[in-house]
Amino acid sequence: MDAGHRKKAPKLTSAVEVEEEAAQGSTCGSQEICMDPELWSFFPEDLVDRVLAWLPLPSIFRLRAVCRAWNTMTHSSSFIDLCARIPSSKDAWILIFANRGCRVVSAYIPTENKWHNIPLSFLPFDISDVTVSGGLLVFRLHEANGGSSVCVCNPVTSSWRKLPPMLGGWRDGLLGLVVDKQSRSYKIIVRSNITPVYNHGAVLRTEVYDSTTNLWIRTNGLEDGITTGHAYCNGVLYFMTWETRSGVYGVFAYNVEQGTWSKVHVPIPDFMTCPHVVECQGRLLMVGGFGRRPHFVTEGICVWELRHPTRDWVVVQNMPEGLFKELLKNSSLLSFNCVGHADRIFLSNRKSPSLIVIFDCAHNTWQRVESCITHDLHPMYSWFSYYPRLAAVL
């Protein structure tokens, strides 16, 4: 907090008590743990801030509930700048946007095996078309007048802003967000419609917003429809597409620096359902259902890897049959959501993610985790790998 803003630090207890009291509302009953509040109330404020800045983010969320002064302090620019100078945790979270308006985000922290809710009530209207990277959320904000804007947000600091208007009309949502950790800059990739003067039909383009210039630029477009998310790997965004002309799935790539699209000319495994591309530790993987013709029965879920230089999809491993049946039970479409997360892949039933199946890419092992969400969700719910950062720059 800025100098002179606080007269006196709140009465302090130990770090253990801070977390316990904030989480449970309990009071200290142990002389071994409690510290003299009169003594610690005069602890220098700058040292208090330095100590608290080392807390992991879930603890900072609980810290905000201790008192109004600490809640204000954790949102201050001086505290956020202090956190930016401290080595940040490498832990990533899984964010699940479970309702239509995306007003509440459920965050799963794998290292703690715990769930936390992150409210987005500070946003004035409902949002959609969310994408996530580098501690930031980018989304479409639906305004009261019927219009919409592309916005960027840091949910852990409750800060957000609108971006300048796009050059063309909105088309099919956000494609991706790429964050440069060293320069702390980012680029946002969106599809748009550019309508010709004589109105012979809309021309599809890709627009890119660059935070260093605060401007949108146009690049060439992609005709085929993007289906299930994207993966950013070695400077390229990869997308699963449904090729309307041939009636099969394909993979397209967008080079972020060059602003160009290209088709990944590799054979796709025969008969796939609900395919996804994901990135894990520099590896481009594909996860999808497999089965047999002519009845198009999905028999399991498989993980493939795009191998170089042969440019073939090579089978990594099949999900065990028991896990497959448990994951997709009561699902008429046998569809699932999938996200790459560090060196693991997380999968959930698209209708109700009461169970999460995790594939460890480094060890080729599977495990199951119970979710805190037991009710059915909107079928288009989305989830992402997210690295929370107080100092993520808008």
Foldseek 3Di string as FASTA:
>chain_A
DDPPPDDWAFQDFDLVVLQVCLVPVDDDDDPVRGDDRVVRRRPDPVVVLLVVLPDALVSLVSNLSPDVVSVVVLLDPVSQVSNVPDDHDPWWWKWWQFADQSQKIWIQGVVVRDIDIQGLVLDPAGWDQWAADDQKIWTWGQDPVRDIFIKMDRRSNSDIDTAPDDPAAADDGWQHKDADPVVLWIKTKGKGWDADPVRPDTAIWIWMATRVVSDIDTAHGDDFDFDAGWEQAPQKIKTWTQDPVVRHIFIKIARVVVRDIDTQPEDDDPQWAQKDWEDEPRWIKIKTFDDDDDVSDGQFIWIWTQDPDVRYTHTDDTDPNVVLCVQCPPPPRSYWHWYHEHQKIWIHHLFWRQKIWIARNVVRDIDIRGDPTGHTGDSPMHMYIHDHRSNNDD
